[in-house]
Amino acid sequence: MVVSVGDADLGLAATLLIGAVPGVVAGSLVSSRVSGSAVRWALVVLLTGSGLSMLKASTVILLGCLAMALLGTLTAVRDRRSVRSAAAETADTVEPAGAPGSR
């Protein structure tokens, strides 16, 4: 209906689709491999940066937001590696039932 009136900007709609479809695919792949806390951290930083950009915040503030995103990413990766190594150590020390020496 809006297209028939002439109020639709088809170029803008195409640009949004070109950016949105790969973004949704990439986001779904990443979010299934990353912990929930890392996804929440990324959303907080992304939405904060978007809001600051809409308010025409200075470049220094936007760079600070980017630095916080990097810090959150590095923290999430480090935590994920420590959880994996702890799980691997636990798996190595637990003897399966029925193994020699188990009761």
PDB file of N, CA and C in Angstrom:
ATOM      1  N   MET A   1       0.811  -1.183   0.000  1.00  0.00           N
ATOM      2  CA  MET A   1       0.000   0.000   0.000  1.00  0.00           C
ATOM      3  C   MET A   1       0.862   1.257   0.000  1.00  0.00           C
ATOM      4  N   VAL A   2       1.928   1.266   0.787  1.00  0.00           N
ATOM      5  CA  VAL A   2       2.793   2.435   0.846  1.00  0.00           C
ATOM      6  C   VAL A   2       3.517   2.624  -0.482  1.00  0.00           C
ATOM      7  N   VAL A   3       3.860   1.532  -1.145  1.00  0.00           N
ATOM      8  CA  VAL A   3       4.561   1.620  -2.423  1.00  0.00           C
ATOM      9  C   VAL A   3       3.664   2.277  -3.470  1.00  0.00           C
ATOM     10  N   SER A   4       2.375   1.969  -3.449  1.00  0.00           N
ATOM     11  CA  SER A   4       1.472   2.539  -4.440  1.00  0.00           C
ATOM     12  C   SER A   4       1.286   4.043  -4.253  1.00  0.00           C
ATOM     13  N   VAL A   5       1.421   4.536  -3.031  1.00  0.00           N
ATOM     14  CA  VAL A   5       1.290   5.966  -2.766  1.00  0.00           C
ATOM     15  C   VAL A   5       2.561   6.703  -3.179  1.00  0.00           C
ATOM     16  N   GLY A   6       3.682   6.007  -3.164  1.00  0.00           N
ATOM     17  CA  GLY A   6       4.937   6.619  -3.573  1.00  0.00           C
ATOM     18  C   GLY A   6       5.800   7.082  -2.413  1.00  0.00           C
ATOM     19  N   ASP A   7       5.462   6.672  -1.196  1.00  0.00           N
ATOM     20  CA  ASP A   7       6.223   7.089  -0.022  1.00  0.00           C
ATOM     21  C   ASP A   7       7.357   6.128   0.326  1.00  0.00           C
ATOM     22  N   ALA A   8       7.496   5.052  -0.386  1.00  0.00           N
ATOM     23  CA  ALA A   8       8.517   4.059  -0.067  1.00  0.00           C
ATOM     24  C   ALA A   8       9.823   4.406  -0.764  1.00  0.00           C
ATOM     25  N   ASP A   9      10.916   4.248  -0.026  1.00  0.00           N
ATOM     26  CA  ASP A   9      12.248   4.441  -0.595  1.00  0.00           C
ATOM     27  C   ASP A   9      12.825   3.048  -0.839  1.00  0.00           C
ATOM     28  N   LEU A  10      12.704   2.572  -2.076  1.00  0.00           N
ATOM     29  CA  LEU A  10      13.132   1.207  -2.388  1.00  0.00           C
ATOM     30  C   LEU A  10      14.641   1.036  -2.281  1.00  0.00           C
ATOM     31  N   GLY A  11      15.385   2.085  -2.556  1.00  0.00           N
ATOM     32  CA  GLY A  11      16.840   2.014  -2.402  1.00  0.00           C
ATOM     33  C   GLY A  11      17.235   1.785  -0.953  1.00  0.00           C
ATOM     34  N   LEU A  12      16.577   2.496  -0.046  1.00  0.00           N
ATOM     35  CA  LEU A  12      16.842   2.311   1.382  1.00  0.00           C
ATOM     36  C   LEU A  12      16.431   0.913   1.827  1.00  0.00           C
ATOM     37  N   ALA A  13      15.298   0.428   1.348  1.00  0.00           N
ATOM     38  CA  ALA A  13      14.843  -0.917   1.704  1.00  0.00           C
ATOM     39  C   ALA A  13      15.831  -1.978   1.218  1.00  0.00           C
ATOM     40  N   ALA A  14      16.346  -1.801   0.016  1.00  0.00           N
ATOM     41  CA  ALA A  14      17.322  -2.761  -0.514  1.00  0.00           C
ATOM     42  C   ALA A  14      18.616  -2.719   0.292  1.00  0.00           C
ATOM     43  N   THR A  15      19.053  -1.523   0.667  1.00  0.00           N
ATOM     44  CA  THR A  15      20.265  -1.394   1.469  1.00  0.00           C
ATOM     45  C   THR A  15      20.098  -2.066   2.822  1.00  0.00           C
ATOM     46  N   LEU A  16      18.943  -1.890   3.444  1.00  0.00           N
ATOM     47  CA  LEU A  16      18.686  -2.549   4.727  1.00  0.00           C
ATOM     48  C   LEU A  16      18.698  -4.065   4.592  1.00  0.00           C
ATOM     49  N   LEU A  17      18.106  -4.571   3.525  1.00  0.00           N
ATOM     50  CA  LEU A  17      18.101  -6.022   3.321  1.00  0.00           C
ATOM     51  C   LEU A  17      19.501  -6.567   3.062  1.00  0.00           C
ATOM     52  N   ILE A  18      20.279  -5.824   2.279  1.00  0.00           N
ATOM     53  CA  ILE A  18      21.645  -6.275   1.973  1.00  0.00           C
ATOM     54  C   ILE A  18      22.463  -6.377   3.252  1.00  0.00           C
ATOM     55  N   GLY A  19      22.252  -5.468   4.193  1.00  0.00           N
ATOM     56  CA  GLY A  19      22.989  -5.527   5.447  1.00  0.00           C
ATOM     57  C   GLY A  19      22.372  -6.445   6.470  1.00  0.00           C
ATOM     58  N   ALA A  20      21.053  -6.559   6.471  1.00  0.00           N
ATOM     59  CA  ALA A  20      20.372  -7.308   7.523  1.00  0.00           C
ATOM     60  C   ALA A  20      20.484  -8.815   7.343  1.00  0.00           C
ATOM     61  N   VAL A  21      20.349  -9.294   6.142  1.00  0.00           N
ATOM     62  CA  VAL A  21      20.338 -10.754   5.932  1.00  0.00           C
ATOM     63  C   VAL A  21      21.681 -11.382   6.316  1.00  0.00           C
ATOM     64  N   PRO A  22      22.814 -10.892   5.830  1.00  0.00           N
ATOM     65  CA  PRO A  22      24.084 -11.476   6.287  1.00  0.00           C
ATOM     66  C   PRO A  22      24.321 -11.257   7.784  1.00  0.00           C
ATOM     67  N   GLY A  23      23.834 -10.136   8.314  1.00  0.00           N
ATOM     68  CA  GLY A  23      23.983  -9.889   9.744  1.00  0.00           C
ATOM     69  C   GLY A  23      23.225 -10.897  10.586  1.00  0.00           C
ATOM     70  N   VAL A  24      22.037 -11.250  10.164  1.00  0.00           N
ATOM     71  CA  VAL A  24      21.239 -12.242  10.889  1.00  0.00           C
ATOM     72  C   VAL A  24      21.898 -13.614  10.808  1.00  0.00           C
ATOM     73  N   VAL A  25      22.383 -13.980   9.645  1.00  0.00           N
ATOM     74  CA  VAL A  25      23.041 -15.284   9.483  1.00  0.00           C
ATOM     75  C   VAL A  25      24.303 -15.349  10.337  1.00  0.00           C
ATOM     76  N   ALA A  26      25.137 -14.317  10.263  1.00  0.00           N
ATOM     77  CA  ALA A  26      26.373 -14.299  11.056  1.00  0.00           C
ATOM     78  C   ALA A  26      26.060 -14.279  12.546  1.00  0.00           C
ATOM     79  N   GLY A  27      25.068 -13.494  12.944  1.00  0.00           N
ATOM     80  CA  GLY A  27      24.703 -13.427  14.352  1.00  0.00           C
ATOM     81  C   GLY A  27      24.199 -14.743  14.892  1.00  0.00           C
ATOM     82  N   SER A  28      23.421 -15.459  14.098  1.00  0.00           N
ATOM     83  CA  SER A  28      22.910 -16.751  14.569  1.00  0.00           C
ATOM     84  C   SER A  28      24.028 -17.778  14.683  1.00  0.00           C
ATOM     85  N   LEU A  29      24.988 -17.731  13.782  1.00  0.00           N
ATOM     86  CA  LEU A  29      26.115 -18.663  13.872  1.00  0.00           C
ATOM     87  C   LEU A  29      26.995 -18.359  15.084  1.00  0.00           C
ATOM     88  N   VAL A  30      27.260 -17.083  15.311  1.00  0.00           N
ATOM     89  CA  VAL A  30      28.123 -16.695  16.425  1.00  0.00           C
ATOM     90  C   VAL A  30      27.429 -16.940  17.761  1.00  0.00           C
ATOM     91  N   SER A  31      26.158 -16.591  17.860  1.00  0.00           N
ATOM     92  CA  SER A  31      25.469 -16.716  19.140  1.00  0.00           C
ATOM     93  C   SER A  31      25.301 -18.162  19.581  1.00  0.00           C
ATOM     94  N   SER A  32      25.307 -19.098  18.639  1.00  0.00           N
ATOM     95  CA  SER A  32      25.202 -20.500  19.028  1.00  0.00           C
ATOM     96  C   SER A  32      26.532 -21.051  19.528  1.00  0.00           C
ATOM     97  N   ARG A  33      27.620 -20.358  19.255  1.00  0.00           N
ATOM     98  CA  ARG A  33      28.944 -20.830  19.672  1.00  0.00           C
ATOM     99  C   ARG A  33      29.517 -20.053  20.854  1.00  0.00           C
ATOM    100  N   VAL A  34      28.871 -18.973  21.237  1.00  0.00           N
ATOM    101  CA  VAL A  34      29.391 -18.100  22.287  1.00  0.00           C
ATOM    102  C   VAL A  34      28.470 -18.185  23.495  1.00  0.00           C
ATOM    103  N   SER A  35      29.030 -17.970  24.669  1.00  0.00           N
ATOM    104  CA  SER A  35      28.221 -18.043  25.890  1.00  0.00           C
ATOM    105  C   SER A  35      27.194 -16.921  25.934  1.00  0.00           C
ATOM    106  N   GLY A  36      26.155 -17.143  26.715  1.00  0.00           N
ATOM    107  CA  GLY A  36      25.084 -16.156  26.830  1.00  0.00           C
ATOM    108  C   GLY A  36      25.569 -14.831  27.386  1.00  0.00           C
ATOM    109  N   SER A  37      26.508 -14.879  28.329  1.00  0.00           N
ATOM    110  CA  SER A  37      27.009 -13.628  28.909  1.00  0.00           C
ATOM    111  C   SER A  37      27.772 -12.814  27.876  1.00  0.00           C
ATOM    112  N   ALA A  38      28.482 -13.477  26.987  1.00  0.00           N
ATOM    113  CA  ALA A  38      29.215 -12.745  25.945  1.00  0.00           C
ATOM    114  C   ALA A  38      28.251 -12.096  24.951  1.00  0.00           C
ATOM    115  N   VAL A  39      27.165 -12.789  24.639  1.00  0.00           N
ATOM    116  CA  VAL A  39      26.170 -12.218  23.717  1.00  0.00           C
ATOM    117  C   VAL A  39      25.498 -11.011  24.364  1.00  0.00           C
ATOM    118  N   ARG A  40      25.153 -11.129  25.655  1.00  0.00           N
ATOM    119  CA  ARG A  40      24.547  -9.991  26.354  1.00  0.00           C
ATOM    120  C   ARG A  40      25.505  -8.811  26.407  1.00  0.00           C
ATOM    121  N   TRP A  41      26.776  -9.065  26.671  1.00  0.00           N
ATOM    122  CA  TRP A  41      27.789  -8.008  26.713  1.00  0.00           C
ATOM    123  C   TRP A  41      27.875  -7.319  25.355  1.00  0.00           C
ATOM    124  N   ALA A  42      27.902  -8.096  24.297  1.00  0.00           N
ATOM    125  CA  ALA A  42      27.992  -7.520  22.951  1.00  0.00           C
ATOM    126  C   ALA A  42      26.757  -6.677  22.639  1.00  0.00           C
ATOM    127  N   LEU A  43      25.587  -7.140  23.040  1.00  0.00           N
ATOM    128  CA  LEU A  43      24.361  -6.364  22.812  1.00  0.00           C
ATOM    129  C   LEU A  43      24.369  -5.052  23.585  1.00  0.00           C
ATOM    130  N   VAL A  44      24.837  -5.090  24.818  1.00  0.00           N
ATOM    131  CA  VAL A  44      24.907  -3.861  25.620  1.00  0.00           C
ATOM    132  C   VAL A  44      25.826  -2.851  24.952  1.00  0.00           C
ATOM    133  N   VAL A  45      26.983  -3.304  24.525  1.00  0.00           N
ATOM    134  CA  VAL A  45      27.939  -2.391  23.899  1.00  0.00           C
ATOM    135  C   VAL A  45      27.409  -1.873  22.563  1.00  0.00           C
ATOM    136  N   LEU A  46      26.814  -2.747  21.771  1.00  0.00           N
ATOM    137  CA  LEU A  46      26.281  -2.348  20.477  1.00  0.00           C
ATOM    138  C   LEU A  46      25.152  -1.336  20.623  1.00  0.00           C
ATOM    139  N   LEU A  47      24.219  -1.598  21.513  1.00  0.00           N
ATOM    140  CA  LEU A  47      23.104  -0.682  21.695  1.00  0.00           C
ATOM    141  C   LEU A  47      23.547   0.637  22.325  1.00  0.00           C
ATOM    142  N   THR A  48      24.520   0.566  23.235  1.00  0.00           N
ATOM    143  CA  THR A  48      25.048   1.803  23.819  1.00  0.00           C
ATOM    144  C   THR A  48      25.748   2.638  22.755  1.00  0.00           C
ATOM    145  N   GLY A  49      26.549   2.000  21.926  1.00  0.00           N
ATOM    146  CA  GLY A  49      27.226   2.720  20.849  1.00  0.00           C
ATOM    147  C   GLY A  49      26.251   3.314  19.854  1.00  0.00           C
ATOM    148  N   SER A  50      25.208   2.571  19.530  1.00  0.00           N
ATOM    149  CA  SER A  50      24.199   3.089  18.606  1.00  0.00           C
ATOM    150  C   SER A  50      23.478   4.293  19.201  1.00  0.00           C
ATOM    151  N   GLY A  51      23.135   4.198  20.470  1.00  0.00           N
ATOM    152  CA  GLY A  51      22.467   5.310  21.132  1.00  0.00           C
ATOM    153  C   GLY A  51      23.344   6.544  21.205  1.00  0.00           C
ATOM    154  N   LEU A  52      24.608   6.337  21.547  1.00  0.00           N
ATOM    155  CA  LEU A  52      25.533   7.471  21.605  1.00  0.00           C
ATOM    156  C   LEU A  52      25.730   8.092  20.228  1.00  0.00           C
ATOM    157  N   SER A  53      25.761   7.266  19.218  1.00  0.00           N
ATOM    158  CA  SER A  53      25.909   7.776  17.853  1.00  0.00           C
ATOM    159  C   SER A  53      24.694   8.606  17.446  1.00  0.00           C
ATOM    160  N   MET A  54      23.510   8.148  17.820  1.00  0.00           N
ATOM    161  CA  MET A  54      22.297   8.901  17.499  1.00  0.00           C
ATOM    162  C   MET A  54      22.248  10.228  18.246  1.00  0.00           C
ATOM    163  N   LEU A  55      22.862  10.271  19.427  1.00  0.00           N
ATOM    164  CA  LEU A  55      22.915  11.503  20.199  1.00  0.00           C
ATOM    165  C   LEU A  55      24.087  12.398  19.780  1.00  0.00           C
ATOM    166  N   LYS A  56      24.779  11.971  18.740  1.00  0.00           N
ATOM    167  CA  LYS A  56      25.918  12.706  18.197  1.00  0.00           C
ATOM    168  C   LYS A  56      27.029  12.878  19.237  1.00  0.00           C
ATOM    169  N   ALA A  57      27.342  11.784  19.904  1.00  0.00           N
ATOM    170  CA  ALA A  57      28.420  11.793  20.894  1.00  0.00           C
ATOM    171  C   ALA A  57      29.755  11.965  20.188  1.00  0.00           C
ATOM    172  N   SER A  58      30.760  12.379  20.930  1.00  0.00           N
ATOM    173  CA  SER A  58      32.071  12.623  20.334  1.00  0.00           C
ATOM    174  C   SER A  58      32.734  11.299  19.949  1.00  0.00           C
ATOM    175  N   THR A  59      33.723  11.414  19.119  1.00  0.00           N
ATOM    176  CA  THR A  59      34.463  10.239  18.654  1.00  0.00           C
ATOM    177  C   THR A  59      35.164   9.548  19.811  1.00  0.00           C
ATOM    178  N   VAL A  60      35.621  10.311  20.791  1.00  0.00           N
ATOM    179  CA  VAL A  60      36.312   9.735  21.941  1.00  0.00           C
ATOM    180  C   VAL A  60      35.368   8.799  22.703  1.00  0.00           C
ATOM    181  N   ILE A  61      34.132   9.211  22.881  1.00  0.00           N
ATOM    182  CA  ILE A  61      33.164   8.368  23.595  1.00  0.00           C
ATOM    183  C   ILE A  61      32.872   7.110  22.789  1.00  0.00           C
ATOM    184  N   LEU A  62      32.731   7.245  21.473  1.00  0.00           N
ATOM    185  CA  LEU A  62      32.475   6.067  20.639  1.00  0.00           C
ATOM    186  C   LEU A  62      33.670   5.121  20.644  1.00  0.00           C
ATOM    187  N   LEU A  63      34.888   5.661  20.654  1.00  0.00           N
ATOM    188  CA  LEU A  63      36.079   4.810  20.741  1.00  0.00           C
ATOM    189  C   LEU A  63      36.153   4.113  22.104  1.00  0.00           C
ATOM    190  N   GLY A  64      35.706   4.804  23.146  1.00  0.00           N
ATOM    191  CA  GLY A  64      35.640   4.177  24.463  1.00  0.00           C
ATOM    192  C   GLY A  64      34.667   3.012  24.471  1.00  0.00           C
ATOM    193  N   CYS A  65      33.560   3.180  23.790  1.00  0.00           N
ATOM    194  CA  CYS A  65      32.579   2.105  23.666  1.00  0.00           C
ATOM    195  C   CYS A  65      33.176   0.923  22.905  1.00  0.00           C
ATOM    196  N   LEU A  66      33.935   1.200  21.861  1.00  0.00           N
ATOM    197  CA  LEU A  66      34.610   0.146  21.105  1.00  0.00           C
ATOM    198  C   LEU A  66      35.643  -0.571  21.975  1.00  0.00           C
ATOM    199  N   ALA A  67      36.353   0.185  22.805  1.00  0.00           N
ATOM    200  CA  ALA A  67      37.333  -0.424  23.710  1.00  0.00           C
ATOM    201  C   ALA A  67      36.643  -1.341  24.714  1.00  0.00           C
ATOM    202  N   MET A  68      35.468  -0.920  25.197  1.00  0.00           N
ATOM    203  CA  MET A  68      34.719  -1.772  26.121  1.00  0.00           C
ATOM    204  C   MET A  68      34.274  -3.064  25.429  1.00  0.00           C
ATOM    205  N   ALA A  69      33.905  -2.970  24.159  1.00  0.00           N
ATOM    206  CA  ALA A  69      33.519  -4.166  23.402  1.00  0.00           C
ATOM    207  C   ALA A  69      34.698  -5.122  23.283  1.00  0.00           C
ATOM    208  N   LEU A  70      35.861  -4.579  23.002  1.00  0.00           N
ATOM    209  CA  LEU A  70      37.059  -5.412  22.883  1.00  0.00           C
ATOM    210  C   LEU A  70      37.393  -6.063  24.223  1.00  0.00           C
ATOM    211  N   LEU A  71      37.298  -5.297  25.290  1.00  0.00           N
ATOM    212  CA  LEU A  71      37.565  -5.834  26.616  1.00  0.00           C
ATOM    213  C   LEU A  71      36.584  -6.956  26.963  1.00  0.00           C
ATOM    214  N   GLY A  72      35.320  -6.747  26.668  1.00  0.00           N
ATOM    215  CA  GLY A  72      34.321  -7.781  26.939  1.00  0.00           C
ATOM    216  C   GLY A  72      34.562  -9.039  26.129  1.00  0.00           C
ATOM    217  N   THR A  73      34.960  -8.869  24.870  1.00  0.00           N
ATOM    218  CA  THR A  73      35.247 -10.021  24.018  1.00  0.00           C
ATOM    219  C   THR A  73      36.434 -10.809  24.551  1.00  0.00           C
ATOM    220  N   LEU A  74      37.493 -10.108  24.909  1.00  0.00           N
ATOM    221  CA  LEU A  74      38.679 -10.787  25.435  1.00  0.00           C
ATOM    222  C   LEU A  74      38.371 -11.511  26.747  1.00  0.00           C
ATOM    223  N   THR A  75      37.569 -10.897  27.591  1.00  0.00           N
ATOM    224  CA  THR A  75      37.186 -11.528  28.857  1.00  0.00           C
ATOM    225  C   THR A  75      36.346 -12.781  28.617  1.00  0.00           C
ATOM    226  N   ALA A  76      35.412 -12.693  27.686  1.00  0.00           N
ATOM    227  CA  ALA A  76      34.560 -13.847  27.388  1.00  0.00           C
ATOM    228  C   ALA A  76      35.377 -14.999  26.814  1.00  0.00           C
ATOM    229  N   VAL A  77      36.324 -14.693  25.932  1.00  0.00           N
ATOM    230  CA  VAL A  77      37.172 -15.739  25.351  1.00  0.00           C
ATOM    231  C   VAL A  77      38.028 -16.380  26.440  1.00  0.00           C
ATOM    232  N   ARG A  78      38.598 -15.550  27.315  1.00  0.00           N
ATOM    233  CA  ARG A  78      39.435 -16.087  28.392  1.00  0.00           C
ATOM    234  C   ARG A  78      38.622 -16.974  29.325  1.00  0.00           C
ATOM    235  N   ASP A  79      37.414 -16.526  29.693  1.00  0.00           N
ATOM    236  CA  ASP A  79      36.568 -17.326  30.577  1.00  0.00           C
ATOM    237  C   ASP A  79      36.171 -18.639  29.922  1.00  0.00           C
ATOM    238  N   ARG A  80      35.880 -18.583  28.638  1.00  0.00           N
ATOM    239  CA  ARG A  80      35.481 -19.807  27.937  1.00  0.00           C
ATOM    240  C   ARG A  80      36.638 -20.804  27.886  1.00  0.00           C
ATOM    241  N   ARG A  81      37.851 -20.316  27.675  1.00  0.00           N
ATOM    242  CA  ARG A  81      39.006 -21.220  27.658  1.00  0.00           C
ATOM    243  C   ARG A  81      39.256 -21.824  29.028  1.00  0.00           C
ATOM    244  N   SER A  82      39.092 -21.032  30.103  1.00  0.00           N
ATOM    245  CA  SER A  82      39.325 -21.571  31.440  1.00  0.00           C
ATOM    246  C   SER A  82      38.267 -22.615  31.796  1.00  0.00           C
ATOM    247  N   VAL A  83      37.030 -22.425  31.351  1.00  0.00           N
ATOM    248  CA  VAL A  83      35.980 -23.418  31.604  1.00  0.00           C
ATOM    249  C   VAL A  83      36.284 -24.702  30.852  1.00  0.00           C
ATOM    250  N   ARG A  84      36.731 -24.562  29.610  1.00  0.00           N
ATOM    251  CA  ARG A  84      37.063 -25.766  28.830  1.00  0.00           C
ATOM    252  C   ARG A  84      38.223 -26.537  29.459  1.00  0.00           C
ATOM    253  N   SER A  85      39.267 -25.817  29.895  1.00  0.00           N
ATOM    254  CA  SER A  85      40.415 -26.512  30.475  1.00  0.00           C
ATOM    255  C   SER A  85      40.041 -27.165  31.800  1.00  0.00           C
ATOM    256  N   ALA A  86      39.178 -26.519  32.597  1.00  0.00           N
ATOM    257  CA  ALA A  86      38.734 -27.114  33.851  1.00  0.00           C
ATOM    258  C   ALA A  86      37.901 -28.358  33.576  1.00  0.00           C
ATOM    259  N   ALA A  87      37.066 -28.315  32.555  1.00  0.00           N
ATOM    260  CA  ALA A  87      36.249 -29.482  32.202  1.00  0.00           C
ATOM    261  C   ALA A  87      37.132 -30.627  31.714  1.00  0.00           C
ATOM    262  N   ALA A  88      38.173 -30.293  30.958  1.00  0.00           N
ATOM    263  CA  ALA A  88      39.082 -31.331  30.463  1.00  0.00           C
ATOM    264  C   ALA A  88      39.847 -31.967  31.620  1.00  0.00           C
ATOM    265  N   GLU A  89      40.270 -31.154  32.589  1.00  0.00           N
ATOM    266  CA  GLU A  89      40.974 -31.703  33.747  1.00  0.00           C
ATOM    267  C   GLU A  89      40.061 -32.596  34.561  1.00  0.00           C
ATOM    268  N   THR A  90      38.822 -32.214  34.738  1.00  0.00           N
ATOM    269  CA  THR A  90      37.860 -33.018  35.484  1.00  0.00           C
ATOM    270  C   THR A  90      37.602 -34.336  34.766  1.00  0.00           C
ATOM    271  N   ALA A  91      37.489 -34.283  33.450  1.00  0.00           N
ATOM    272  CA  ALA A  91      37.244 -35.497  32.672  1.00  0.00           C
ATOM    273  C   ALA A  91      38.435 -36.440  32.753  1.00  0.00           C
ATOM    274  N   ASP A  92      39.650 -35.900  32.865  1.00  0.00           N
ATOM    275  CA  ASP A  92      40.842 -36.741  32.957  1.00  0.00           C
ATOM    276  C   ASP A  92      40.965 -37.412  34.320  1.00  0.00           C
ATOM    277  N   THR A  93      40.470 -36.764  35.372  1.00  0.00           N
ATOM    278  CA  THR A  93      40.649 -37.317  36.710  1.00  0.00           C
ATOM    279  C   THR A  93      39.532 -38.267  37.125  1.00  0.00           C
ATOM    280  N   VAL A  94      38.392 -38.205  36.485  1.00  0.00           N
ATOM    281  CA  VAL A  94      37.269 -39.081  36.843  1.00  0.00           C
ATOM    282  C   VAL A  94      37.429 -40.410  36.138  1.00  0.00           C
ATOM    283  N   GLU A  95      37.373 -41.514  36.934  1.00  0.00           N
ATOM    284  CA  GLU A  95      37.481 -42.848  36.355  1.00  0.00           C
ATOM    285  C   GLU A  95      36.085 -43.327  35.973  1.00  0.00           C
ATOM    286  N   PRO A  96      35.939 -43.907  34.812  1.00  0.00           N
ATOM    287  CA  PRO A  96      34.630 -44.421  34.432  1.00  0.00           C
ATOM    288  C   PRO A  96      34.242 -45.612  35.284  1.00  0.00           C
ATOM    289  N   ALA A  97      32.942 -45.819  35.464  1.00  0.00           N
ATOM    290  CA  ALA A  97      32.448 -46.957  36.253  1.00  0.00           C
ATOM    291  C   ALA A  97      32.862 -48.250  35.568  1.00  0.00           C
ATOM    292  N   GLY A  98      33.295 -49.189  36.377  1.00  0.00           N
ATOM    293  CA  GLY A  98      33.703 -50.484  35.839  1.00  0.00           C
ATOM    294  C   GLY A  98      35.168 -50.522  35.433  1.00  0.00           C
ATOM    295  N   ALA A  99      35.858 -49.415  35.602  1.00  0.00           N
ATOM    296  CA  ALA A  99      37.280 -49.384  35.264  1.00  0.00           C
ATOM    297  C   ALA A  99      38.061 -50.100  36.338  1.00  0.00           C
ATOM    298  N   PRO A 100      39.219 -50.633  35.989  1.00  0.00           N
ATOM    299  CA  PRO A 100      40.040 -51.304  37.006  1.00  0.00           C
ATOM    300  C   PRO A 100      40.364 -50.346  38.138  1.00  0.00           C
ATOM    301  N   GLY A 101      40.193 -50.803  39.350  1.00  0.00           N
ATOM    302  CA  GLY A 101      40.485 -49.977  40.530  1.00  0.00           C
ATOM    303  C   GLY A 101      39.265 -49.254  41.048  1.00  0.00           C
ATOM    304  N   SER A 102      38.124 -49.307  40.330  1.00  0.00           N
ATOM    305  CA  SER A 102      36.912 -48.654  40.829  1.00  0.00           C
ATOM    306  C   SER A 102      36.093 -49.650  41.611  1.00  0.00           C
ATOM    307  N   ARG A 103      35.236 -49.174  42.471  1.00  0.00           N
ATOM    308  CA  ARG A 103      34.444 -50.069  43.321  1.00  0.00           C
ATOM    309  C   ARG A 103      33.196 -50.504  42.683  1.00  0.00           C
TER     310      ARG A 103
END
